[in-house]
Amino acid sequence: MKIHTIDLKFQGLTENIAAFLVETSAGPILVETGPHSTLPQLNAGIEAAGFAPTDIQHVFITHIHLDHAGAAWWFAQNGATVYVHPRGSKHLASPERLMESARRIYQDQMDSLWGQMNPIPAAQVREVAHEEAIELGDTTVHAHHTPGHAVHHIAWQIGEVVFTGDVAGVRIKQGLVIPPCPPPDIHLGDWEASIEILKRLAPETMYLTHFGPVPYSEEHLDELKRRMHMWADWIKPHYEAERGIMEVTPEFQQMVAEDMIAQGISKADRDKYEAANPSWMSVAGLFRYWKKQAQ
């Protein structure tokens, strides 16, 4: 099985968002699309692998966040079927609410960061159940529902490879493993259960959307779990003290930066981590998590 890692060069930076083209006897399949804003880089990567973008007739997305699924509609308008968690399908068919929410956050940066997200006809959206298998020529794609980062998250397994989306964390250049914690769905217990699913699968390689293939190891997943709890425990007293997110964010960013510096992460690579997983998003996501726990 041949897998091509396509660097989408989000915000002009290398190695922070990837899409993956998998060659099969039924034609190329795509895992993740990245945002619509990086479609030119994605299509260039598809062509570099020896295919035309219109050859892509099967698109598997790990979840509906814009950095993972924002360009799925473009492939659908060229005939592709898009495979998604049942709890994410409605947002692909009617993305208006998702885009309105994002526009409130990103305002005038919305178009440059993310581009468009147009509706996908319901007939081209395929909801996939937990542990369902999709047969495409000589290739079988297994779905593993893996909530924690998002309720609509799927890790896709092909043989000894798992495309982990965000559930196995963010890791740039084999550096430290960090947990992307955006609102609204962060749930530590669910994420721990999803980590256990990955441990049971124990693939040879995990393909991280942020960024690229890493050899499977329990140490990677244990580091993710440890830092996930470290971040949540750091946020908790600030939430309980009713401090504002904007006030807490610079302090959180400093804590994360000091952790990375201690691990020997360069400034250039810290910028890539920040582009892939903005610190302020994790502050907002973990504030929301503790609010839910208190209810």
C-alpha atoms as a PDB file:
ATOM      1  CA  MET A   1       0.000   0.000   0.000  1.00  0.00           C
ATOM      2  CA  LYS A   2       1.368   3.383  -1.024  1.00  0.00           C
ATOM      3  CA  ILE A   3       0.467   6.439   1.047  1.00  0.00           C
ATOM      4  CA  HIS A   4       1.375   9.978   0.008  1.00  0.00           C
ATOM      5  CA  THR A   5       1.569  12.632   2.722  1.00  0.00           C
ATOM      6  CA  ILE A   6       0.544  15.973   1.215  1.00  0.00           C
ATOM      7  CA  ASP A   7       1.769  19.073   3.037  1.00  0.00           C
ATOM      8  CA  LEU A   8      -0.934  21.728   2.740  1.00  0.00           C
ATOM      9  CA  LYS A   9       1.414  24.534   3.882  1.00  0.00           C
ATOM     10  CA  PHE A  10      -1.315  26.201   5.917  1.00  0.00           C
ATOM     11  CA  GLN A  11      -0.545  29.882   6.607  1.00  0.00           C
ATOM     12  CA  GLY A  12       2.606  29.476   4.537  1.00  0.00           C
ATOM     13  CA  LEU A  13       4.138  27.078   7.063  1.00  0.00           C
ATOM     14  CA  THR A  14       5.307  23.576   6.237  1.00  0.00           C
ATOM     15  CA  GLU A  15       4.397  20.568   8.357  1.00  0.00           C
ATOM     16  CA  ASN A  16       1.329  21.729  10.228  1.00  0.00           C
ATOM     17  CA  ILE A  17      -1.663  20.321   8.282  1.00  0.00           C
ATOM     18  CA  ALA A  18      -1.519  17.176   6.151  1.00  0.00           C
ATOM     19  CA  ALA A  19      -3.847  15.274   3.868  1.00  0.00           C
ATOM     20  CA  PHE A  20      -3.152  11.699   2.797  1.00  0.00           C
ATOM     21  CA  LEU A  21      -3.622  10.053  -0.588  1.00  0.00           C
ATOM     22  CA  VAL A  22      -3.838   6.254  -0.520  1.00  0.00           C
ATOM     23  CA  GLU A  23      -3.435   4.290  -3.735  1.00  0.00           C
ATOM     24  CA  THR A  24      -5.895   1.407  -4.134  1.00  0.00           C
ATOM     25  CA  SER A  25      -6.970  -0.867  -6.984  1.00  0.00           C
ATOM     26  CA  ALA A  26     -10.234   1.124  -7.060  1.00  0.00           C
ATOM     27  CA  GLY A  27      -8.375   4.393  -7.560  1.00  0.00           C
ATOM     28  CA  PRO A  28      -6.899   6.917  -5.141  1.00  0.00           C
ATOM     29  CA  ILE A  29      -8.700   7.699  -1.907  1.00  0.00           C
ATOM     30  CA  LEU A  30      -8.167  10.799   0.193  1.00  0.00           C
ATOM     31  CA  VAL A  31      -8.017  10.922   3.987  1.00  0.00           C
ATOM     32  CA  GLU A  32      -8.617  14.516   5.168  1.00  0.00           C
ATOM     33  CA  THR A  33      -8.897  17.482   2.823  1.00  0.00           C
ATOM     34  CA  GLY A  34      -7.669  20.325   4.963  1.00  0.00           C
ATOM     35  CA  PRO A  35      -9.352  23.716   4.654  1.00  0.00           C
ATOM     36  CA  HIS A  36     -10.687  25.032   1.362  1.00  0.00           C
ATOM     37  CA  SER A  37      -8.051  27.799   1.547  1.00  0.00           C
ATOM     38  CA  THR A  38      -5.293  25.220   0.939  1.00  0.00           C
ATOM     39  CA  LEU A  39      -7.052  23.465  -1.959  1.00  0.00           C
ATOM     40  CA  PRO A  40      -4.399  24.595  -4.491  1.00  0.00           C
ATOM     41  CA  GLN A  41      -1.670  22.926  -2.436  1.00  0.00           C
ATOM     42  CA  LEU A  42      -3.796  19.803  -1.999  1.00  0.00           C
ATOM     43  CA  ASN A  43      -4.498  19.508  -5.707  1.00  0.00           C
ATOM     44  CA  ALA A  44      -0.822  20.067  -6.496  1.00  0.00           C
ATOM     45  CA  GLY A  45       0.031  17.216  -4.128  1.00  0.00           C
ATOM     46  CA  ILE A  46      -2.524  14.934  -5.765  1.00  0.00           C
ATOM     47  CA  GLU A  47      -1.022  15.711  -9.167  1.00  0.00           C
ATOM     48  CA  ALA A  48       2.504  15.142  -7.844  1.00  0.00           C
ATOM     49  CA  ALA A  49       1.366  11.659  -6.799  1.00  0.00           C
ATOM     50  CA  GLY A  50       0.363  10.986 -10.402  1.00  0.00           C
ATOM     51  CA  PHE A  51      -3.383  11.587 -10.254  1.00  0.00           C
ATOM     52  CA  ALA A  52      -5.884  14.253 -11.223  1.00  0.00           C
ATOM     53  CA  PRO A  53      -7.970  15.814  -8.431  1.00  0.00           C
ATOM     54  CA  THR A  54     -11.103  14.570 -10.206  1.00  0.00           C
ATOM     55  CA  ASP A  55      -9.770  11.004  -9.797  1.00  0.00           C
ATOM     56  CA  ILE A  56     -10.630  11.267  -6.098  1.00  0.00           C
ATOM     57  CA  GLN A  57     -14.018   9.618  -5.698  1.00  0.00           C
ATOM     58  CA  HIS A  58     -13.754   8.603  -2.029  1.00  0.00           C
ATOM     59  CA  VAL A  59     -12.923  11.085   0.753  1.00  0.00           C
ATOM     60  CA  PHE A  60     -12.585   9.996   4.384  1.00  0.00           C
ATOM     61  CA  ILE A  61     -12.596  12.753   7.003  1.00  0.00           C
ATOM     62  CA  THR A  62     -11.750  12.171  10.651  1.00  0.00           C
ATOM     63  CA  HIS A  63     -14.092  14.966  11.796  1.00  0.00           C
ATOM     64  CA  ILE A  64     -15.769  18.075  10.461  1.00  0.00           C
ATOM     65  CA  HIS A  65     -13.469  20.799  11.819  1.00  0.00           C
ATOM     66  CA  LEU A  66     -12.432  23.148   9.028  1.00  0.00           C
ATOM     67  CA  ASP A  67      -8.748  22.205   9.141  1.00  0.00           C
ATOM     68  CA  HIS A  68      -9.733  18.595   8.407  1.00  0.00           C
ATOM     69  CA  ALA A  69     -12.846  18.720   6.230  1.00  0.00           C
ATOM     70  CA  GLY A  70     -13.175  22.236   4.856  1.00  0.00           C
ATOM     71  CA  ALA A  71     -12.508  21.253   1.223  1.00  0.00           C
ATOM     72  CA  ALA A  72     -14.585  18.049   1.206  1.00  0.00           C
ATOM     73  CA  TRP A  73     -17.408  19.796  -0.659  1.00  0.00           C
ATOM     74  CA  TRP A  74     -15.097  20.548  -3.618  1.00  0.00           C
ATOM     75  CA  PHE A  75     -14.437  16.842  -4.174  1.00  0.00           C
ATOM     76  CA  ALA A  76     -18.140  16.061  -3.743  1.00  0.00           C
ATOM     77  CA  GLN A  77     -19.041  18.503  -6.500  1.00  0.00           C
ATOM     78  CA  ASN A  78     -16.704  16.452  -8.686  1.00  0.00           C
ATOM     79  CA  GLY A  79     -18.570  13.263  -7.803  1.00  0.00           C
ATOM     80  CA  ALA A  80     -16.834  12.007  -4.668  1.00  0.00           C
ATOM     81  CA  THR A  81     -18.520  10.269  -1.747  1.00  0.00           C
ATOM     82  CA  VAL A  82     -17.548  11.721   1.625  1.00  0.00           C
ATOM     83  CA  TYR A  83     -17.347   9.328   4.598  1.00  0.00           C
ATOM     84  CA  VAL A  84     -18.083  10.822   8.011  1.00  0.00           C
ATOM     85  CA  HIS A  85     -19.279  10.132  11.548  1.00  0.00           C
ATOM     86  CA  PRO A  86     -23.109  10.133  11.817  1.00  0.00           C
ATOM     87  CA  ARG A  87     -22.972  13.094  14.221  1.00  0.00           C
ATOM     88  CA  GLY A  88     -21.057  15.171  11.688  1.00  0.00           C
ATOM     89  CA  SER A  89     -23.020  14.453   8.535  1.00  0.00           C
ATOM     90  CA  LYS A  90     -25.648  17.170   8.997  1.00  0.00           C
ATOM     91  CA  HIS A  91     -22.920  19.827   9.105  1.00  0.00           C
ATOM     92  CA  LEU A  92     -21.595  18.691   5.733  1.00  0.00           C
ATOM     93  CA  ALA A  93     -25.057  18.772   4.183  1.00  0.00           C
ATOM     94  CA  SER A  94     -25.861  22.145   5.796  1.00  0.00           C
ATOM     95  CA  PRO A  95     -22.635  23.878   6.882  1.00  0.00           C
ATOM     96  CA  GLU A  96     -24.190  27.296   7.473  1.00  0.00           C
ATOM     97  CA  ARG A  97     -24.228  27.042  11.271  1.00  0.00           C
ATOM     98  CA  LEU A  98     -20.665  25.744  11.382  1.00  0.00           C
ATOM     99  CA  MET A  99     -19.435  28.559   9.162  1.00  0.00           C
ATOM    100  CA  GLU A 100     -21.390  31.244  11.017  1.00  0.00           C
ATOM    101  CA  SER A 101     -19.838  30.109  14.288  1.00  0.00           C
ATOM    102  CA  ALA A 102     -16.369  30.155  12.773  1.00  0.00           C
ATOM    103  CA  ARG A 103     -16.932  33.591  11.238  1.00  0.00           C
ATOM    104  CA  ARG A 104     -17.863  35.034  14.646  1.00  0.00           C
ATOM    105  CA  ILE A 105     -14.478  33.842  15.911  1.00  0.00           C
ATOM    106  CA  TYR A 106     -12.250  34.654  12.935  1.00  0.00           C
ATOM    107  CA  GLN A 107     -14.182  37.631  11.503  1.00  0.00           C
ATOM    108  CA  ASP A 108     -12.241  39.258   8.645  1.00  0.00           C
ATOM    109  CA  GLN A 109      -9.639  36.466   8.692  1.00  0.00           C
ATOM    110  CA  MET A 110     -12.241  33.819   7.906  1.00  0.00           C
ATOM    111  CA  ASP A 111     -11.764  33.699   4.141  1.00  0.00           C
ATOM    112  CA  SER A 112      -7.955  33.811   4.174  1.00  0.00           C
ATOM    113  CA  LEU A 113      -7.704  31.123   6.860  1.00  0.00           C
ATOM    114  CA  TRP A 114     -10.454  28.740   5.847  1.00  0.00           C
ATOM    115  CA  GLY A 115     -12.061  29.713   2.530  1.00  0.00           C
ATOM    116  CA  GLN A 116     -15.531  28.422   1.714  1.00  0.00           C
ATOM    117  CA  MET A 117     -17.524  25.407   2.870  1.00  0.00           C
ATOM    118  CA  ASN A 118     -20.465  24.660   0.590  1.00  0.00           C
ATOM    119  CA  PRO A 119     -23.233  22.093   1.156  1.00  0.00           C
ATOM    120  CA  ILE A 120     -22.669  18.506   0.055  1.00  0.00           C
ATOM    121  CA  PRO A 121     -25.704  16.663  -1.360  1.00  0.00           C
ATOM    122  CA  ALA A 122     -26.993  14.158   1.177  1.00  0.00           C
ATOM    123  CA  ALA A 123     -26.675  11.339  -1.362  1.00  0.00           C
ATOM    124  CA  GLN A 124     -22.902  11.877  -1.363  1.00  0.00           C
ATOM    125  CA  VAL A 125     -22.481  11.902   2.422  1.00  0.00           C
ATOM    126  CA  ARG A 126     -21.934   8.389   3.793  1.00  0.00           C
ATOM    127  CA  GLU A 127     -22.435   7.973   7.542  1.00  0.00           C
ATOM    128  CA  VAL A 128     -20.134   5.285   8.917  1.00  0.00           C
ATOM    129  CA  ALA A 129     -20.832   3.258  12.051  1.00  0.00           C
ATOM    130  CA  HIS A 130     -18.295   2.294  14.708  1.00  0.00           C
ATOM    131  CA  GLU A 131     -16.159  -0.645  13.486  1.00  0.00           C
ATOM    132  CA  GLU A 132     -17.849  -0.612  10.081  1.00  0.00           C
ATOM    133  CA  ALA A 133     -15.654  -1.732   7.168  1.00  0.00           C
ATOM    134  CA  ILE A 134     -15.660  -0.043   3.759  1.00  0.00           C
ATOM    135  CA  GLU A 135     -14.415  -2.203   0.862  1.00  0.00           C
ATOM    136  CA  LEU A 136     -12.742  -0.338  -2.008  1.00  0.00           C
ATOM    137  CA  GLY A 137     -11.075  -2.715  -4.445  1.00  0.00           C
ATOM    138  CA  ASP A 138      -8.166  -4.386  -2.689  1.00  0.00           C
ATOM    139  CA  THR A 139      -8.413  -2.050   0.306  1.00  0.00           C
ATOM    140  CA  THR A 140     -10.566  -2.250   3.430  1.00  0.00           C
ATOM    141  CA  VAL A 141     -11.047   0.873   5.518  1.00  0.00           C
ATOM    142  CA  HIS A 142     -12.188   0.281   9.094  1.00  0.00           C
ATOM    143  CA  ALA A 143     -13.878   3.042  11.118  1.00  0.00           C
ATOM    144  CA  HIS A 144     -13.209   3.522  14.818  1.00  0.00           C
ATOM    145  CA  HIS A 145     -15.349   6.108  16.584  1.00  0.00           C
ATOM    146  CA  THR A 146     -12.916   7.974  18.814  1.00  0.00           C
ATOM    147  CA  PRO A 147     -14.543  10.903  20.662  1.00  0.00           C
ATOM    148  CA  GLY A 148     -12.814  13.146  23.186  1.00  0.00           C
ATOM    149  CA  HIS A 149     -11.471  15.828  20.877  1.00  0.00           C
ATOM    150  CA  ALA A 150     -14.785  15.919  19.005  1.00  0.00           C
ATOM    151  CA  VAL A 151     -17.964  13.880  19.385  1.00  0.00           C
ATOM    152  CA  HIS A 152     -17.913  13.252  15.633  1.00  0.00           C
ATOM    153  CA  HIS A 153     -14.360  11.875  15.420  1.00  0.00           C
ATOM    154  CA  ILE A 154     -13.345   8.738  13.507  1.00  0.00           C
ATOM    155  CA  ALA A 155      -9.907   7.149  13.285  1.00  0.00           C
ATOM    156  CA  TRP A 156      -9.596   5.321   9.967  1.00  0.00           C
ATOM    157  CA  GLN A 157      -7.623   2.072   9.845  1.00  0.00           C
ATOM    158  CA  ILE A 158      -6.155   0.490   6.727  1.00  0.00           C
ATOM    159  CA  GLY A 159      -4.144  -2.623   7.530  1.00  0.00           C
ATOM    160  CA  GLU A 160      -1.364  -1.713   9.958  1.00  0.00           C
ATOM    161  CA  VAL A 161      -1.907   2.021   9.541  1.00  0.00           C
ATOM    162  CA  VAL A 162      -4.330   4.307  11.414  1.00  0.00           C
ATOM    163  CA  PHE A 163      -5.145   7.840  10.326  1.00  0.00           C
ATOM    164  CA  THR A 164      -5.711   9.431  13.711  1.00  0.00           C
ATOM    165  CA  GLY A 165      -6.979  12.935  12.935  1.00  0.00           C
ATOM    166  CA  ASP A 166      -6.585  14.733  16.269  1.00  0.00           C
ATOM    167  CA  VAL A 167      -7.233  11.898  18.715  1.00  0.00           C
ATOM    168  CA  ALA A 168      -3.517  10.954  18.850  1.00  0.00           C
ATOM    169  CA  GLY A 169      -2.539  14.576  19.320  1.00  0.00           C
ATOM    170  CA  VAL A 170      -0.327  17.039  17.474  1.00  0.00           C
ATOM    171  CA  ARG A 171       3.343  16.218  16.955  1.00  0.00           C
ATOM    172  CA  ILE A 172       5.705  18.200  14.721  1.00  0.00           C
ATOM    173  CA  LYS A 173       9.013  16.669  13.591  1.00  0.00           C
ATOM    174  CA  GLN A 174       8.850  13.875  16.178  1.00  0.00           C
ATOM    175  CA  GLY A 175       8.739  16.509  18.944  1.00  0.00           C
ATOM    176  CA  LEU A 176       6.510  16.593  21.986  1.00  0.00           C
ATOM    177  CA  VAL A 177       2.890  15.399  21.770  1.00  0.00           C
ATOM    178  CA  ILE A 178       0.224  17.971  22.612  1.00  0.00           C
ATOM    179  CA  PRO A 179      -3.575  17.696  22.880  1.00  0.00           C
ATOM    180  CA  PRO A 180      -5.666  19.966  20.626  1.00  0.00           C
ATOM    181  CA  CYS A 181      -8.506  21.109  22.897  1.00  0.00           C
ATOM    182  CA  PRO A 182     -10.874  23.426  20.995  1.00  0.00           C
ATOM    183  CA  PRO A 183     -14.481  23.960  22.075  1.00  0.00           C
ATOM    184  CA  PRO A 184     -17.115  22.651  22.264  1.00  0.00           C
ATOM    185  CA  ASP A 185     -16.619  18.900  22.634  1.00  0.00           C
ATOM    186  CA  ILE A 186     -13.511  18.267  24.749  1.00  0.00           C
ATOM    187  CA  HIS A 187     -14.123  15.401  27.169  1.00  0.00           C
ATOM    188  CA  LEU A 188     -11.163  13.877  28.986  1.00  0.00           C
ATOM    189  CA  GLY A 189     -12.887  10.590  29.871  1.00  0.00           C
ATOM    190  CA  ASP A 190     -13.998   9.978  26.307  1.00  0.00           C
ATOM    191  CA  TRP A 191     -10.525  10.884  25.033  1.00  0.00           C
ATOM    192  CA  GLU A 192      -8.902   8.405  27.422  1.00  0.00           C
ATOM    193  CA  ALA A 193     -11.254   5.673  26.160  1.00  0.00           C
ATOM    194  CA  SER A 194     -10.315   6.567  22.574  1.00  0.00           C
ATOM    195  CA  ILE A 195      -6.620   6.360  23.459  1.00  0.00           C
ATOM    196  CA  GLU A 196      -7.296   2.841  24.736  1.00  0.00           C
ATOM    197  CA  ILE A 197      -8.857   1.978  21.356  1.00  0.00           C
ATOM    198  CA  LEU A 198      -5.645   3.080  19.655  1.00  0.00           C
ATOM    199  CA  LYS A 199      -3.598   1.019  22.099  1.00  0.00           C
ATOM    200  CA  ARG A 200      -5.695  -2.062  21.325  1.00  0.00           C
ATOM    201  CA  LEU A 201      -5.204  -1.503  17.603  1.00  0.00           C
ATOM    202  CA  ALA A 202      -1.439  -0.974  18.096  1.00  0.00           C
ATOM    203  CA  PRO A 203      -0.782  -0.161  14.426  1.00  0.00           C
ATOM    204  CA  GLU A 204       2.670   0.014  12.929  1.00  0.00           C
ATOM    205  CA  THR A 205       2.187   3.677  12.041  1.00  0.00           C
ATOM    206  CA  MET A 206      -0.117   6.503  13.074  1.00  0.00           C
ATOM    207  CA  TYR A 207      -0.745   9.199  10.476  1.00  0.00           C
ATOM    208  CA  LEU A 208      -1.362  12.478  12.299  1.00  0.00           C
ATOM    209  CA  THR A 209      -3.118  15.277  10.464  1.00  0.00           C
ATOM    210  CA  HIS A 210      -0.772  17.560  12.454  1.00  0.00           C
ATOM    211  CA  PHE A 211       1.682  16.286  11.190  1.00  0.00           C
ATOM    212  CA  GLY A 212       2.465  13.175   9.229  1.00  0.00           C
ATOM    213  CA  PRO A 213       3.406   9.554   9.964  1.00  0.00           C
ATOM    214  CA  VAL A 214       4.887   8.582  13.322  1.00  0.00           C
ATOM    215  CA  PRO A 215       5.784   5.074  14.486  1.00  0.00           C
ATOM    216  CA  TYR A 216       3.199   3.760  16.904  1.00  0.00           C
ATOM    217  CA  SER A 217       4.243   3.638  20.534  1.00  0.00           C
ATOM    218  CA  GLU A 218       2.402   3.530  23.820  1.00  0.00           C
ATOM    219  CA  GLU A 219       4.829   6.210  24.993  1.00  0.00           C
ATOM    220  CA  HIS A 220       3.392   8.620  22.423  1.00  0.00           C
ATOM    221  CA  LEU A 221      -0.145   8.021  23.661  1.00  0.00           C
ATOM    222  CA  ASP A 222       0.895   8.138  27.313  1.00  0.00           C
ATOM    223  CA  GLU A 223       2.611  11.483  26.720  1.00  0.00           C
ATOM    224  CA  LEU A 224      -0.569  12.776  25.086  1.00  0.00           C
ATOM    225  CA  LYS A 225      -2.667  11.633  28.037  1.00  0.00           C
ATOM    226  CA  ARG A 226      -0.247  13.133  30.565  1.00  0.00           C
ATOM    227  CA  ARG A 227      -0.138  16.517  28.858  1.00  0.00           C
ATOM    228  CA  MET A 228      -3.919  16.508  28.337  1.00  0.00           C
ATOM    229  CA  HIS A 229      -4.391  16.231  32.095  1.00  0.00           C
ATOM    230  CA  MET A 230      -1.600  18.712  32.803  1.00  0.00           C
ATOM    231  CA  TRP A 231      -3.299  21.324  30.622  1.00  0.00           C
ATOM    232  CA  ALA A 232      -6.753  20.638  32.079  1.00  0.00           C
ATOM    233  CA  ASP A 233      -5.441  20.782  35.655  1.00  0.00           C
ATOM    234  CA  TRP A 234      -3.610  24.032  34.884  1.00  0.00           C
ATOM    235  CA  ILE A 235      -6.824  25.607  33.560  1.00  0.00           C
ATOM    236  CA  LYS A 236      -9.131  24.402  36.361  1.00  0.00           C
ATOM    237  CA  PRO A 237      -8.199  26.888  39.124  1.00  0.00           C
ATOM    238  CA  HIS A 238      -8.367  29.785  36.663  1.00  0.00           C
ATOM    239  CA  TYR A 239     -11.857  28.696  35.633  1.00  0.00           C
ATOM    240  CA  GLU A 240     -12.907  28.293  39.270  1.00  0.00           C
ATOM    241  CA  ALA A 241     -11.574  31.780  40.046  1.00  0.00           C
ATOM    242  CA  GLU A 242     -13.851  33.087  37.261  1.00  0.00           C
ATOM    243  CA  ARG A 243     -10.977  34.656  35.385  1.00  0.00           C
ATOM    244  CA  GLY A 244     -11.626  35.600  31.762  1.00  0.00           C
ATOM    245  CA  ILE A 245     -10.362  33.529  28.851  1.00  0.00           C
ATOM    246  CA  MET A 246      -8.608  36.533  27.312  1.00  0.00           C
ATOM    247  CA  GLU A 247      -6.831  37.200  30.610  1.00  0.00           C
ATOM    248  CA  VAL A 248      -5.709  33.600  31.072  1.00  0.00           C
ATOM    249  CA  THR A 249      -4.610  32.924  27.481  1.00  0.00           C
ATOM    250  CA  PRO A 250      -1.218  34.756  27.584  1.00  0.00           C
ATOM    251  CA  GLU A 251      -0.298  32.898  30.776  1.00  0.00           C
ATOM    252  CA  PHE A 252      -1.295  29.576  29.216  1.00  0.00           C
ATOM    253  CA  GLN A 253       0.718  30.391  26.098  1.00  0.00           C
ATOM    254  CA  GLN A 254       3.742  31.120  28.271  1.00  0.00           C
ATOM    255  CA  MET A 255       3.338  27.811  30.094  1.00  0.00           C
ATOM    256  CA  VAL A 256       3.099  25.912  26.794  1.00  0.00           C
ATOM    257  CA  ALA A 257       6.097  27.776  25.352  1.00  0.00           C
ATOM    258  CA  GLU A 258       8.220  26.996  28.414  1.00  0.00           C
ATOM    259  CA  ASP A 259       7.272  23.320  28.143  1.00  0.00           C
ATOM    260  CA  MET A 260       8.313  23.287  24.488  1.00  0.00           C
ATOM    261  CA  ILE A 261      11.560  25.133  25.141  1.00  0.00           C
ATOM    262  CA  ALA A 262      12.392  22.623  27.873  1.00  0.00           C
ATOM    263  CA  GLN A 263      11.848  19.863  25.303  1.00  0.00           C
ATOM    264  CA  GLY A 264      14.201  21.568  22.834  1.00  0.00           C
ATOM    265  CA  ILE A 265      11.535  22.708  20.367  1.00  0.00           C
ATOM    266  CA  SER A 266      12.801  25.507  18.119  1.00  0.00           C
ATOM    267  CA  LYS A 267      10.969  28.810  17.661  1.00  0.00           C
ATOM    268  CA  ALA A 268      10.156  27.870  14.046  1.00  0.00           C
ATOM    269  CA  ASP A 269       8.607  24.599  15.145  1.00  0.00           C
ATOM    270  CA  ARG A 270       6.762  26.274  18.017  1.00  0.00           C
ATOM    271  CA  ASP A 271       5.135  28.477  15.376  1.00  0.00           C
ATOM    272  CA  LYS A 272       4.015  25.349  13.523  1.00  0.00           C
ATOM    273  CA  TYR A 273       2.518  23.900  16.696  1.00  0.00           C
ATOM    274  CA  GLU A 274       0.680  27.183  17.280  1.00  0.00           C
ATOM    275  CA  ALA A 275      -0.695  27.245  13.715  1.00  0.00           C
ATOM    276  CA  ALA A 276      -1.856  23.637  14.011  1.00  0.00           C
ATOM    277  CA  ASN A 277      -3.258  24.058  17.527  1.00  0.00           C
ATOM    278  CA  PRO A 278      -3.765  27.694  18.597  1.00  0.00           C
ATOM    279  CA  SER A 279      -3.278  28.061  22.345  1.00  0.00           C
ATOM    280  CA  TRP A 280      -6.317  30.285  22.799  1.00  0.00           C
ATOM    281  CA  MET A 281      -8.522  27.541  21.363  1.00  0.00           C
ATOM    282  CA  SER A 282      -7.363  25.118  24.034  1.00  0.00           C
ATOM    283  CA  VAL A 283      -8.030  27.680  26.775  1.00  0.00           C
ATOM    284  CA  ALA A 284     -11.581  28.160  25.470  1.00  0.00           C
ATOM    285  CA  GLY A 285     -12.109  24.418  25.061  1.00  0.00           C
ATOM    286  CA  LEU A 286     -10.889  23.535  28.561  1.00  0.00           C
ATOM    287  CA  PHE A 287     -12.886  26.357  30.173  1.00  0.00           C
ATOM    288  CA  ARG A 288     -15.948  24.874  28.501  1.00  0.00           C
ATOM    289  CA  TYR A 289     -14.968  21.363  29.659  1.00  0.00           C
ATOM    290  CA  TRP A 290     -14.746  22.449  33.304  1.00  0.00           C
ATOM    291  CA  LYS A 291     -18.033  24.337  32.996  1.00  0.00           C
ATOM    292  CA  LYS A 292     -19.750  21.149  31.812  1.00  0.00           C
ATOM    293  CA  GLN A 293     -18.173  19.164  34.649  1.00  0.00           C
ATOM    294  CA  ALA A 294     -19.525  21.671  37.174  1.00  0.00           C
ATOM    295  CA  GLN A 295     -23.100  21.449  35.911  1.00  0.00           C
END
